[in-house]
Amino acid sequence: VKANALIYPSVWAANGDNEGGIGTVLLEAQVVGTPIVSTYHADLPYGLASVPGIYLTTERSVDGLVARLRQALVEQVRVDGRFVRERHDVQKEVVRLEEKYQMLLNRRRNVVVA
């Protein structure tokens, strides 16, 4: 099923809580080309590609969300999913993670205990 847009507003909680990161649904939406309407919140601007089809507005701005959604529906620009495929490929990430573990193991082996 193709969606016309994914609306994903996110805000800092009144108590300062912030989920951080980027929701998997946002990565999945980009891969399949779904336009995204979201907020400049936490890591979202960094995890979303800076490409056509991504529409961001300030937190808690209902008018901003409405304007960005209207823009997304009028423009009907699909997101180019290459950004996510290049930066979030499971095969590449596994290799990177294993390299980091190996580096840490090597460091530990080189520590001299007096």
PDB file of N, CA and C in Angstrom:
ATOM      1  N   VAL A   1       0.853  -1.178   0.000  1.00  0.00           N
ATOM      2  CA  VAL A   1       0.000   0.000   0.000  1.00  0.00           C
ATOM      3  C   VAL A   1       0.891   1.231   0.000  1.00  0.00           C
ATOM      4  N   LYS A   2       0.643   2.141  -0.916  1.00  0.00           N
ATOM      5  CA  LYS A   2       1.386   3.394  -0.956  1.00  0.00           C
ATOM      6  C   LYS A   2       0.612   4.472  -0.211  1.00  0.00           C
ATOM      7  N   ALA A   3       1.333   5.157   0.667  1.00  0.00           N
ATOM      8  CA  ALA A   3       0.733   6.262   1.405  1.00  0.00           C
ATOM      9  C   ALA A   3       1.053   7.560   0.679  1.00  0.00           C
ATOM     10  N   ASN A   4       0.160   8.513   0.781  1.00  0.00           N
ATOM     11  CA  ASN A   4       0.419   9.830   0.207  1.00  0.00           C
ATOM     12  C   ASN A   4       1.480  10.563   1.009  1.00  0.00           C
ATOM     13  N   ALA A   5       1.543  10.292   2.302  1.00  0.00           N
ATOM     14  CA  ALA A   5       2.542  10.906   3.180  1.00  0.00           C
ATOM     15  C   ALA A   5       2.507  10.213   4.531  1.00  0.00           C
ATOM     16  N   LEU A   6       3.625  10.288   5.238  1.00  0.00           N
ATOM     17  CA  LEU A   6       3.708   9.831   6.627  1.00  0.00           C
ATOM     18  C   LEU A   6       3.848  11.077   7.480  1.00  0.00           C
ATOM     19  N   ILE A   7       2.954  11.233   8.460  1.00  0.00           N
ATOM     20  CA  ILE A   7       3.022  12.368   9.368  1.00  0.00           C
ATOM     21  C   ILE A   7       3.595  11.850  10.689  1.00  0.00           C
ATOM     22  N   TYR A   8       4.727  12.424  11.105  1.00  0.00           N
ATOM     23  CA  TYR A   8       5.448  11.946  12.285  1.00  0.00           C
ATOM     24  C   TYR A   8       5.906  13.137  13.126  1.00  0.00           C
ATOM     25  N   PRO A   9       4.959  13.836  13.784  1.00  0.00           N
ATOM     26  CA  PRO A   9       5.370  14.950  14.637  1.00  0.00           C
ATOM     27  C   PRO A   9       5.968  14.420  15.932  1.00  0.00           C
ATOM     28  N   SER A  10       7.018  15.020  16.385  1.00  0.00           N
ATOM     29  CA  SER A  10       7.678  14.600  17.614  1.00  0.00           C
ATOM     30  C   SER A  10       8.118  15.847  18.371  1.00  0.00           C
ATOM     31  N   VAL A  11       8.023  15.797  19.701  1.00  0.00           N
ATOM     32  CA  VAL A  11       8.361  16.957  20.527  1.00  0.00           C
ATOM     33  C   VAL A  11       9.078  16.538  21.803  1.00  0.00           C
ATOM     34  N   TRP A  12       9.778  17.491  22.420  1.00  0.00           N
ATOM     35  CA  TRP A  12      10.329  17.292  23.757  1.00  0.00           C
ATOM     36  C   TRP A  12       9.158  17.286  24.714  1.00  0.00           C
ATOM     37  N   ALA A  13       9.147  16.359  25.663  1.00  0.00           N
ATOM     38  CA  ALA A  13       8.090  16.319  26.676  1.00  0.00           C
ATOM     39  C   ALA A  13       8.279  17.466  27.654  1.00  0.00           C
ATOM     40  N   ALA A  14       7.222  17.836  28.340  1.00  0.00           N
ATOM     41  CA  ALA A  14       7.285  18.923  29.318  1.00  0.00           C
ATOM     42  C   ALA A  14       8.313  18.643  30.412  1.00  0.00           C
ATOM     43  N   ASN A  15       8.531  17.359  30.734  1.00  0.00           N
ATOM     44  CA  ASN A  15       9.503  17.006  31.771  1.00  0.00           C
ATOM     45  C   ASN A  15      10.921  16.858  31.220  1.00  0.00           C
ATOM     46  N   GLY A  16      11.112  17.198  29.944  1.00  0.00           N
ATOM     47  CA  GLY A  16      12.436  17.137  29.339  1.00  0.00           C
ATOM     48  C   GLY A  16      12.761  15.813  28.674  1.00  0.00           C
ATOM     49  N   ASP A  17      11.844  14.849  28.749  1.00  0.00           N
ATOM     50  CA  ASP A  17      12.079  13.543  28.142  1.00  0.00           C
ATOM     51  C   ASP A  17      12.152  13.680  26.624  1.00  0.00           C
ATOM     52  N   ASN A  18      13.077  12.945  26.040  1.00  0.00           N
ATOM     53  CA  ASN A  18      13.283  12.987  24.597  1.00  0.00           C
ATOM     54  C   ASN A  18      13.702  11.595  24.162  1.00  0.00           C
ATOM     55  N   GLU A  19      12.939  10.991  23.277  1.00  0.00           N
ATOM     56  CA  GLU A  19      13.253   9.620  22.871  1.00  0.00           C
ATOM     57  C   GLU A  19      14.545   9.524  22.076  1.00  0.00           C
ATOM     58  N   GLY A  20      14.993  10.615  21.486  1.00  0.00           N
ATOM     59  CA  GLY A  20      16.240  10.603  20.714  1.00  0.00           C
ATOM     60  C   GLY A  20      16.173   9.631  19.540  1.00  0.00           C
ATOM     61  N   GLY A  21      17.244   9.570  18.788  1.00  0.00           N
ATOM     62  CA  GLY A  21      17.290   8.654  17.649  1.00  0.00           C
ATOM     63  C   GLY A  21      16.265   8.982  16.583  1.00  0.00           C
ATOM     64  N   ILE A  22      16.008   8.004  15.768  1.00  0.00           N
ATOM     65  CA  ILE A  22      15.021   8.162  14.700  1.00  0.00           C
ATOM     66  C   ILE A  22      14.215   6.881  14.615  1.00  0.00           C
ATOM     67  N   GLY A  23      12.918   7.023  14.547  1.00  0.00           N
ATOM     68  CA  GLY A  23      12.050   5.858  14.484  1.00  0.00           C
ATOM     69  C   GLY A  23      12.291   5.027  13.220  1.00  0.00           C
ATOM     70  N   THR A  24      12.254   3.723  13.393  1.00  0.00           N
ATOM     71  CA  THR A  24      12.450   2.812  12.267  1.00  0.00           C
ATOM     72  C   THR A  24      11.439   3.077  11.158  1.00  0.00           C
ATOM     73  N   VAL A  25      10.236   3.464  11.536  1.00  0.00           N
ATOM     74  CA  VAL A  25       9.208   3.723  10.523  1.00  0.00           C
ATOM     75  C   VAL A  25       9.648   4.840   9.568  1.00  0.00           C
ATOM     76  N   LEU A  26      10.441   5.801  10.073  1.00  0.00           N
ATOM     77  CA  LEU A  26      10.922   6.881   9.214  1.00  0.00           C
ATOM     78  C   LEU A  26      11.950   6.370   8.208  1.00  0.00           C
ATOM     79  N   LEU A  27      12.793   5.446   8.632  1.00  0.00           N
ATOM     80  CA  LEU A  27      13.756   4.846   7.710  1.00  0.00           C
ATOM     81  C   LEU A  27      13.018   4.022   6.654  1.00  0.00           C
ATOM     82  N   GLU A  28      12.043   3.239   7.099  1.00  0.00           N
ATOM     83  CA  GLU A  28      11.282   2.397   6.179  1.00  0.00           C
ATOM     84  C   GLU A  28      10.501   3.242   5.164  1.00  0.00           C
ATOM     85  N   ALA A  29       9.915   4.335   5.637  1.00  0.00           N
ATOM     86  CA  ALA A  29       9.157   5.208   4.733  1.00  0.00           C
ATOM     87  C   ALA A  29      10.060   5.791   3.654  1.00  0.00           C
ATOM     88  N   GLN A  30      11.280   6.196   4.041  1.00  0.00           N
ATOM     89  CA  GLN A  30      12.217   6.750   3.058  1.00  0.00           C
ATOM     90  C   GLN A  30      12.601   5.707   2.011  1.00  0.00           C
ATOM     91  N   VAL A  31      12.835   4.483   2.455  1.00  0.00           N
ATOM     92  CA  VAL A  31      13.259   3.426   1.528  1.00  0.00           C
ATOM     93  C   VAL A  31      12.209   3.187   0.453  1.00  0.00           C
ATOM     94  N   VAL A  32      10.929   3.240   0.830  1.00  0.00           N
ATOM     95  CA  VAL A  32       9.876   2.975  -0.156  1.00  0.00           C
ATOM     96  C   VAL A  32       9.395   4.242  -0.855  1.00  0.00           C
ATOM     97  N   GLY A  33       9.992   5.400  -0.501  1.00  0.00           N
ATOM     98  CA  GLY A  33       9.692   6.632  -1.222  1.00  0.00           C
ATOM     99  C   GLY A  33       8.567   7.474  -0.675  1.00  0.00           C
ATOM    100  N   THR A  34       8.036   7.121   0.489  1.00  0.00           N
ATOM    101  CA  THR A  34       6.909   7.871   1.046  1.00  0.00           C
ATOM    102  C   THR A  34       7.340   9.252   1.523  1.00  0.00           C
ATOM    103  N   PRO A  35       6.660  10.306   1.086  1.00  0.00           N
ATOM    104  CA  PRO A  35       6.951  11.645   1.605  1.00  0.00           C
ATOM    105  C   PRO A  35       6.723  11.683   3.119  1.00  0.00           C
ATOM    106  N   ILE A  36       7.551  12.444   3.824  1.00  0.00           N
ATOM    107  CA  ILE A  36       7.488  12.492   5.283  1.00  0.00           C
ATOM    108  C   ILE A  36       7.290  13.930   5.749  1.00  0.00           C
ATOM    109  N   VAL A  37       6.323  14.099   6.642  1.00  0.00           N
ATOM    110  CA  VAL A  37       6.072  15.379   7.294  1.00  0.00           C
ATOM    111  C   VAL A  37       6.408  15.169   8.765  1.00  0.00           C
ATOM    112  N   SER A  38       7.379  15.921   9.267  1.00  0.00           N
ATOM    113  CA  SER A  38       7.829  15.729  10.642  1.00  0.00           C
ATOM    114  C   SER A  38       8.308  17.053  11.226  1.00  0.00           C
ATOM    115  N   THR A  39       8.969  16.962  12.372  1.00  0.00           N
ATOM    116  CA  THR A  39       9.427  18.163  13.083  1.00  0.00           C
ATOM    117  C   THR A  39      10.944  18.175  13.224  1.00  0.00           C
ATOM    118  N   TYR A  40      11.472  19.377  13.416  1.00  0.00           N
ATOM    119  CA  TYR A  40      12.891  19.553  13.740  1.00  0.00           C
ATOM    120  C   TYR A  40      13.045  19.169  15.207  1.00  0.00           C
ATOM    121  N   HIS A  41      13.189  17.909  15.477  1.00  0.00           N
ATOM    122  CA  HIS A  41      13.233  17.412  16.845  1.00  0.00           C
ATOM    123  C   HIS A  41      14.351  16.389  16.989  1.00  0.00           C
ATOM    124  N   ALA A  42      15.141  16.543  18.039  1.00  0.00           N
ATOM    125  CA  ALA A  42      16.199  15.572  18.374  1.00  0.00           C
ATOM    126  C   ALA A  42      17.023  15.220  17.137  1.00  0.00           C
ATOM    127  N   ASP A  43      17.117  13.934  16.824  1.00  0.00           N
ATOM    128  CA  ASP A  43      17.936  13.465  15.711  1.00  0.00           C
ATOM    129  C   ASP A  43      17.192  13.404  14.381  1.00  0.00           C
ATOM    130  N   LEU A  44      15.931  13.757  14.369  1.00  0.00           N
ATOM    131  CA  LEU A  44      15.144  13.619  13.139  1.00  0.00           C
ATOM    132  C   LEU A  44      15.754  14.350  11.943  1.00  0.00           C
ATOM    133  N   PRO A  45      16.185  15.611  12.090  1.00  0.00           N
ATOM    134  CA  PRO A  45      16.757  16.283  10.917  1.00  0.00           C
ATOM    135  C   PRO A  45      18.017  15.586  10.379  1.00  0.00           C
ATOM    136  N   TYR A  46      18.728  14.849  11.246  1.00  0.00           N
ATOM    137  CA  TYR A  46      19.959  14.176  10.814  1.00  0.00           C
ATOM    138  C   TYR A  46      19.674  12.799  10.225  1.00  0.00           C
ATOM    139  N   GLY A  47      18.603  12.170  10.669  1.00  0.00           N
ATOM    140  CA  GLY A  47      18.263  10.840  10.177  1.00  0.00           C
ATOM    141  C   GLY A  47      17.385  10.846   8.956  1.00  0.00           C
ATOM    142  N   LEU A  48      16.841  12.004   8.653  1.00  0.00           N
ATOM    143  CA  LEU A  48      16.030  12.147   7.444  1.00  0.00           C
ATOM    144  C   LEU A  48      16.895  12.773   6.363  1.00  0.00           C
ATOM    145  N   ALA A  49      16.783  12.252   5.180  1.00  0.00           N
ATOM    146  CA  ALA A  49      17.580  12.769   4.067  1.00  0.00           C
ATOM    147  C   ALA A  49      17.203  14.220   3.782  1.00  0.00           C
ATOM    148  N   SER A  50      18.163  14.993   3.354  1.00  0.00           N
ATOM    149  CA  SER A  50      17.895  16.368   2.916  1.00  0.00           C
ATOM    150  C   SER A  50      17.601  16.328   1.426  1.00  0.00           C
ATOM    151  N   VAL A  51      16.476  15.740   1.101  1.00  0.00           N
ATOM    152  CA  VAL A  51      16.081  15.563  -0.295  1.00  0.00           C
ATOM    153  C   VAL A  51      14.630  15.985  -0.455  1.00  0.00           C
ATOM    154  N   PRO A  52      14.213  16.205  -1.683  1.00  0.00           N
ATOM    155  CA  PRO A  52      12.792  16.497  -1.900  1.00  0.00           C
ATOM    156  C   PRO A  52      11.919  15.370  -1.345  1.00  0.00           C
ATOM    157  N   GLY A  53      10.785  15.745  -0.792  1.00  0.00           N
ATOM    158  CA  GLY A  53       9.869  14.765  -0.235  1.00  0.00           C
ATOM    159  C   GLY A  53       9.945  14.672   1.284  1.00  0.00           C
ATOM    160  N   ILE A  54      10.893  15.410   1.882  1.00  0.00           N
ATOM    161  CA  ILE A  54      10.997  15.483   3.342  1.00  0.00           C
ATOM    162  C   ILE A  54      10.569  16.894   3.735  1.00  0.00           C
ATOM    163  N   TYR A  55       9.555  17.004   4.586  1.00  0.00           N
ATOM    164  CA  TYR A  55       8.982  18.289   4.959  1.00  0.00           C
ATOM    165  C   TYR A  55       9.023  18.428   6.483  1.00  0.00           C
ATOM    166  N   LEU A  56       9.852  19.331   6.980  1.00  0.00           N
ATOM    167  CA  LEU A  56      10.006  19.516   8.422  1.00  0.00           C
ATOM    168  C   LEU A  56       9.472  20.873   8.862  1.00  0.00           C
ATOM    169  N   THR A  57       8.983  20.913  10.092  1.00  0.00           N
ATOM    170  CA  THR A  57       8.506  22.150  10.687  1.00  0.00           C
ATOM    171  C   THR A  57       8.895  22.164  12.156  1.00  0.00           C
ATOM    172  N   THR A  58       8.679  23.275  12.816  1.00  0.00           N
ATOM    173  CA  THR A  58       9.036  23.387  14.227  1.00  0.00           C
ATOM    174  C   THR A  58       8.101  22.543  15.092  1.00  0.00           C
ATOM    175  N   GLU A  59       8.619  22.162  16.261  1.00  0.00           N
ATOM    176  CA  GLU A  59       7.816  21.389  17.199  1.00  0.00           C
ATOM    177  C   GLU A  59       6.581  22.171  17.636  1.00  0.00           C
ATOM    178  N   ARG A  60       5.515  21.456  17.867  1.00  0.00           N
ATOM    179  CA  ARG A  60       4.245  21.999  18.383  1.00  0.00           C
ATOM    180  C   ARG A  60       3.574  23.010  17.456  1.00  0.00           C
ATOM    181  N   SER A  61       3.965  23.038  16.203  1.00  0.00           N
ATOM    182  CA  SER A  61       3.346  23.964  15.259  1.00  0.00           C
ATOM    183  C   SER A  61       2.314  23.220  14.402  1.00  0.00           C
ATOM    184  N   VAL A  62       1.075  23.280  14.833  1.00  0.00           N
ATOM    185  CA  VAL A  62       0.005  22.631  14.075  1.00  0.00           C
ATOM    186  C   VAL A  62      -0.105  23.282  12.701  1.00  0.00           C
ATOM    187  N   ASP A  63      -0.020  24.610  12.655  1.00  0.00           N
ATOM    188  CA  ASP A  63      -0.086  25.315  11.373  1.00  0.00           C
ATOM    189  C   ASP A  63       1.062  24.883  10.466  1.00  0.00           C
ATOM    190  N   GLY A  64       2.250  24.717  11.051  1.00  0.00           N
ATOM    191  CA  GLY A  64       3.400  24.269  10.268  1.00  0.00           C
ATOM    192  C   GLY A  64       3.191  22.872   9.708  1.00  0.00           C
ATOM    193  N   LEU A  65       2.656  21.973  10.529  1.00  0.00           N
ATOM    194  CA  LEU A  65       2.373  20.607  10.051  1.00  0.00           C
ATOM    195  C   LEU A  65       1.345  20.618   8.931  1.00  0.00           C
ATOM    196  N   VAL A  66       0.302  21.414   9.103  1.00  0.00           N
ATOM    197  CA  VAL A  66      -0.738  21.507   8.066  1.00  0.00           C
ATOM    198  C   VAL A  66      -0.132  22.040   6.772  1.00  0.00           C
ATOM    199  N   ALA A  67       0.682  23.077   6.874  1.00  0.00           N
ATOM    200  CA  ALA A  67       1.304  23.668   5.680  1.00  0.00           C
ATOM    201  C   ALA A  67       2.226  22.667   4.985  1.00  0.00           C
ATOM    202  N   ARG A  68       3.037  21.941   5.773  1.00  0.00           N
ATOM    203  CA  ARG A  68       3.961  20.959   5.185  1.00  0.00           C
ATOM    204  C   ARG A  68       3.203  19.783   4.584  1.00  0.00           C
ATOM    205  N   LEU A  69       2.123  19.358   5.240  1.00  0.00           N
ATOM    206  CA  LEU A  69       1.313  18.263   4.689  1.00  0.00           C
ATOM    207  C   LEU A  69       0.658  18.703   3.385  1.00  0.00           C
ATOM    208  N   ARG A  70       0.135  19.898   3.376  1.00  0.00           N
ATOM    209  CA  ARG A  70      -0.477  20.424   2.151  1.00  0.00           C
ATOM    210  C   ARG A  70       0.561  20.470   1.026  1.00  0.00           C
ATOM    211  N   GLN A  71       1.763  20.938   1.356  1.00  0.00           N
ATOM    212  CA  GLN A  71       2.852  21.000   0.376  1.00  0.00           C
ATOM    213  C   GLN A  71       3.184  19.599  -0.143  1.00  0.00           C
ATOM    214  N   ALA A  72       3.277  18.634   0.762  1.00  0.00           N
ATOM    215  CA  ALA A  72       3.595  17.260   0.365  1.00  0.00           C
ATOM    216  C   ALA A  72       2.528  16.694  -0.566  1.00  0.00           C
ATOM    217  N   LEU A  73       1.268  16.965  -0.256  1.00  0.00           N
ATOM    218  CA  LEU A  73       0.181  16.426  -1.073  1.00  0.00           C
ATOM    219  C   LEU A  73       0.092  17.114  -2.431  1.00  0.00           C
ATOM    220  N   VAL A  74       0.403  18.394  -2.474  1.00  0.00           N
ATOM    221  CA  VAL A  74       0.369  19.123  -3.749  1.00  0.00           C
ATOM    222  C   VAL A  74       1.547  18.720  -4.628  1.00  0.00           C
ATOM    223  N   GLU A  75       2.737  18.683  -4.052  1.00  0.00           N
ATOM    224  CA  GLU A  75       3.943  18.379  -4.840  1.00  0.00           C
ATOM    225  C   GLU A  75       4.030  16.913  -5.254  1.00  0.00           C
ATOM    226  N   GLN A  76       3.523  16.019  -4.418  1.00  0.00           N
ATOM    227  CA  GLN A  76       3.557  14.576  -4.692  1.00  0.00           C
ATOM    228  C   GLN A  76       4.949  14.091  -5.098  1.00  0.00           C
ATOM    229  N   VAL A  77       5.965  14.524  -4.345  1.00  0.00           N
ATOM    230  CA  VAL A  77       7.349  14.126  -4.605  1.00  0.00           C
ATOM    231  C   VAL A  77       7.672  12.910  -3.752  1.00  0.00           C
ATOM    232  N   ARG A  78       8.083  11.828  -4.389  1.00  0.00           N
ATOM    233  CA  ARG A  78       8.498  10.629  -3.665  1.00  0.00           C
ATOM    234  C   ARG A  78       9.932  10.825  -3.166  1.00  0.00           C
ATOM    235  N   VAL A  79      10.240  10.287  -2.008  1.00  0.00           N
ATOM    236  CA  VAL A  79      11.574  10.387  -1.428  1.00  0.00           C
ATOM    237  C   VAL A  79      12.503   9.396  -2.123  1.00  0.00           C
ATOM    238  N   ASP A  80      13.703   9.845  -2.411  1.00  0.00           N
ATOM    239  CA  ASP A  80      14.735   8.960  -2.959  1.00  0.00           C
ATOM    240  C   ASP A  80      15.336   8.179  -1.793  1.00  0.00           C
ATOM    241  N   GLY A  81      15.150   6.886  -1.766  1.00  0.00           N
ATOM    242  CA  GLY A  81      15.565   6.052  -0.647  1.00  0.00           C
ATOM    243  C   GLY A  81      17.033   5.704  -0.591  1.00  0.00           C
ATOM    244  N   ARG A  82      17.847   6.230  -1.505  1.00  0.00           N
ATOM    245  CA  ARG A  82      19.275   5.900  -1.500  1.00  0.00           C
ATOM    246  C   ARG A  82      19.961   6.293  -0.201  1.00  0.00           C
ATOM    247  N   PHE A  83      19.560   7.406   0.386  1.00  0.00           N
ATOM    248  CA  PHE A  83      20.156   7.892   1.635  1.00  0.00           C
ATOM    249  C   PHE A  83      20.115   6.790   2.702  1.00  0.00           C
ATOM    250  N   VAL A  84      18.961   6.194   2.882  1.00  0.00           N
ATOM    251  CA  VAL A  84      18.809   5.158   3.902  1.00  0.00           C
ATOM    252  C   VAL A  84      19.533   3.881   3.490  1.00  0.00           C
ATOM    253  N   ARG A  85      19.393   3.502   2.245  1.00  0.00           N
ATOM    254  CA  ARG A  85      20.057   2.271   1.786  1.00  0.00           C
ATOM    255  C   ARG A  85      21.574   2.372   1.941  1.00  0.00           C
ATOM    256  N   GLU A  86      22.138   3.557   1.739  1.00  0.00           N
ATOM    257  CA  GLU A  86      23.590   3.736   1.859  1.00  0.00           C
ATOM    258  C   GLU A  86      24.044   3.806   3.318  1.00  0.00           C
ATOM    259  N   ARG A  87      23.243   4.402   4.188  1.00  0.00           N
ATOM    260  CA  ARG A  87      23.682   4.640   5.563  1.00  0.00           C
ATOM    261  C   ARG A  87      23.130   3.664   6.592  1.00  0.00           C
ATOM    262  N   HIS A  88      22.169   2.863   6.198  1.00  0.00           N
ATOM    263  CA  HIS A  88      21.543   1.954   7.157  1.00  0.00           C
ATOM    264  C   HIS A  88      21.442   0.526   6.628  1.00  0.00           C
ATOM    265  N   ASP A  89      22.324   0.163   5.734  1.00  0.00           N
ATOM    266  CA  ASP A  89      22.334  -1.195   5.189  1.00  0.00           C
ATOM    267  C   ASP A  89      22.798  -2.175   6.270  1.00  0.00           C
ATOM    268  N   VAL A  90      21.999  -3.183   6.551  1.00  0.00           N
ATOM    269  CA  VAL A  90      22.309  -4.130   7.624  1.00  0.00           C
ATOM    270  C   VAL A  90      23.655  -4.801   7.403  1.00  0.00           C
ATOM    271  N   GLN A  91      23.940  -5.230   6.201  1.00  0.00           N
ATOM    272  CA  GLN A  91      25.215  -5.907   5.937  1.00  0.00           C
ATOM    273  C   GLN A  91      26.404  -4.996   6.247  1.00  0.00           C
ATOM    274  N   LYS A  92      26.324  -3.739   5.851  1.00  0.00           N
ATOM    275  CA  LYS A  92      27.403  -2.789   6.124  1.00  0.00           C
ATOM    276  C   LYS A  92      27.505  -2.495   7.619  1.00  0.00           C
ATOM    277  N   GLU A  93      26.376  -2.353   8.280  1.00  0.00           N
ATOM    278  CA  GLU A  93      26.372  -2.023   9.699  1.00  0.00           C
ATOM    279  C   GLU A  93      26.946  -3.159  10.533  1.00  0.00           C
ATOM    280  N   VAL A  94      26.662  -4.397  10.151  1.00  0.00           N
ATOM    281  CA  VAL A  94      27.214  -5.546  10.882  1.00  0.00           C
ATOM    282  C   VAL A  94      28.738  -5.535  10.787  1.00  0.00           C
ATOM    283  N   VAL A  95      29.263  -5.278   9.605  1.00  0.00           N
ATOM    284  CA  VAL A  95      30.717  -5.225   9.419  1.00  0.00           C
ATOM    285  C   VAL A  95      31.313  -4.110  10.279  1.00  0.00           C
ATOM    286  N   ARG A  96      30.689  -2.930  10.267  1.00  0.00           N
ATOM    287  CA  ARG A  96      31.187  -1.804  11.077  1.00  0.00           C
ATOM    288  C   ARG A  96      31.173  -2.137  12.566  1.00  0.00           C
ATOM    289  N   LEU A  97      30.110  -2.775  13.017  1.00  0.00           N
ATOM    290  CA  LEU A  97      29.999  -3.131  14.423  1.00  0.00           C
ATOM    291  C   LEU A  97      31.066  -4.155  14.808  1.00  0.00           C
ATOM    292  N   GLU A  98      31.265  -5.156  13.962  1.00  0.00           N
ATOM    293  CA  GLU A  98      32.299  -6.154  14.234  1.00  0.00           C
ATOM    294  C   GLU A  98      33.691  -5.512  14.269  1.00  0.00           C
ATOM    295  N   GLU A  99      33.944  -4.550  13.402  1.00  0.00           N
ATOM    296  CA  GLU A  99      35.231  -3.850  13.408  1.00  0.00           C
ATOM    297  C   GLU A  99      35.437  -3.097  14.720  1.00  0.00           C
ATOM    298  N   LYS A 100      34.381  -2.477  15.229  1.00  0.00           N
ATOM    299  CA  LYS A 100      34.487  -1.755  16.499  1.00  0.00           C
ATOM    300  C   LYS A 100      34.757  -2.716  17.650  1.00  0.00           C
ATOM    301  N   TYR A 101      34.061  -3.847  17.663  1.00  0.00           N
ATOM    302  CA  TYR A 101      34.313  -4.852  18.707  1.00  0.00           C
ATOM    303  C   TYR A 101      35.754  -5.335  18.638  1.00  0.00           C
ATOM    304  N   GLN A 102      36.235  -5.594  17.444  1.00  0.00           N
ATOM    305  CA  GLN A 102      37.602  -6.079  17.285  1.00  0.00           C
ATOM    306  C   GLN A 102      38.607  -5.039  17.768  1.00  0.00           C
ATOM    307  N   MET A 103      38.359  -3.774  17.469  1.00  0.00           N
ATOM    308  CA  MET A 103      39.229  -2.697  17.915  1.00  0.00           C
ATOM    309  C   MET A 103      39.284  -2.654  19.447  1.00  0.00           C
ATOM    310  N   LEU A 104      38.131  -2.777  20.089  1.00  0.00           N
ATOM    311  CA  LEU A 104      38.080  -2.765  21.548  1.00  0.00           C
ATOM    312  C   LEU A 104      38.804  -3.973  22.143  1.00  0.00           C
ATOM    313  N   LEU A 105      38.628  -5.124  21.528  1.00  0.00           N
ATOM    314  CA  LEU A 105      39.339  -6.322  21.997  1.00  0.00           C
ATOM    315  C   LEU A 105      40.847  -6.145  21.862  1.00  0.00           C
ATOM    316  N   ASN A 106      41.278  -5.591  20.742  1.00  0.00           N
ATOM    317  CA  ASN A 106      42.711  -5.366  20.526  1.00  0.00           C
ATOM    318  C   ASN A 106      43.266  -4.377  21.546  1.00  0.00           C
ATOM    319  N   ARG A 107      42.521  -3.340  21.853  1.00  0.00           N
ATOM    320  CA  ARG A 107      42.946  -2.370  22.857  1.00  0.00           C
ATOM    321  C   ARG A 107      43.124  -3.031  24.213  1.00  0.00           C
ATOM    322  N   ARG A 108      42.170  -3.870  24.554  1.00  0.00           N
ATOM    323  CA  ARG A 108      42.215  -4.533  25.853  1.00  0.00           C
ATOM    324  C   ARG A 108      43.444  -5.451  25.934  1.00  0.00           C
ATOM    325  N   ARG A 109      43.764  -6.132  24.865  1.00  0.00           N
ATOM    326  CA  ARG A 109      44.929  -7.024  24.845  1.00  0.00           C
ATOM    327  C   ARG A 109      46.235  -6.249  25.008  1.00  0.00           C
ATOM    328  N   ASN A 110      46.227  -4.993  24.565  1.00  0.00           N
ATOM    329  CA  ASN A 110      47.443  -4.182  24.638  1.00  0.00           C
ATOM    330  C   ASN A 110      47.598  -3.431  25.954  1.00  0.00           C
ATOM    331  N   VAL A 111      46.634  -3.566  26.846  1.00  0.00           N
ATOM    332  CA  VAL A 111      46.715  -2.896  28.143  1.00  0.00           C
ATOM    333  C   VAL A 111      47.659  -3.673  29.039  1.00  0.00           C
ATOM    334  N   VAL A 112      48.622  -2.985  29.607  1.00  0.00           N
ATOM    335  CA  VAL A 112      49.582  -3.602  30.514  1.00  0.00           C
ATOM    336  C   VAL A 112      49.101  -3.382  31.937  1.00  0.00           C
ATOM    337  N   VAL A 113      48.932  -4.466  32.658  1.00  0.00           N
ATOM    338  CA  VAL A 113      48.484  -4.375  34.056  1.00  0.00           C
ATOM    339  C   VAL A 113      49.712  -4.442  34.947  1.00  0.00           C
ATOM    340  N   ALA A 114      49.902  -3.432  35.783  1.00  0.00           N
ATOM    341  CA  ALA A 114      51.099  -3.383  36.647  1.00  0.00           C
ATOM    342  C   ALA A 114      50.830  -3.991  37.985  1.00  0.00           C
TER     343      ALA A 114
END
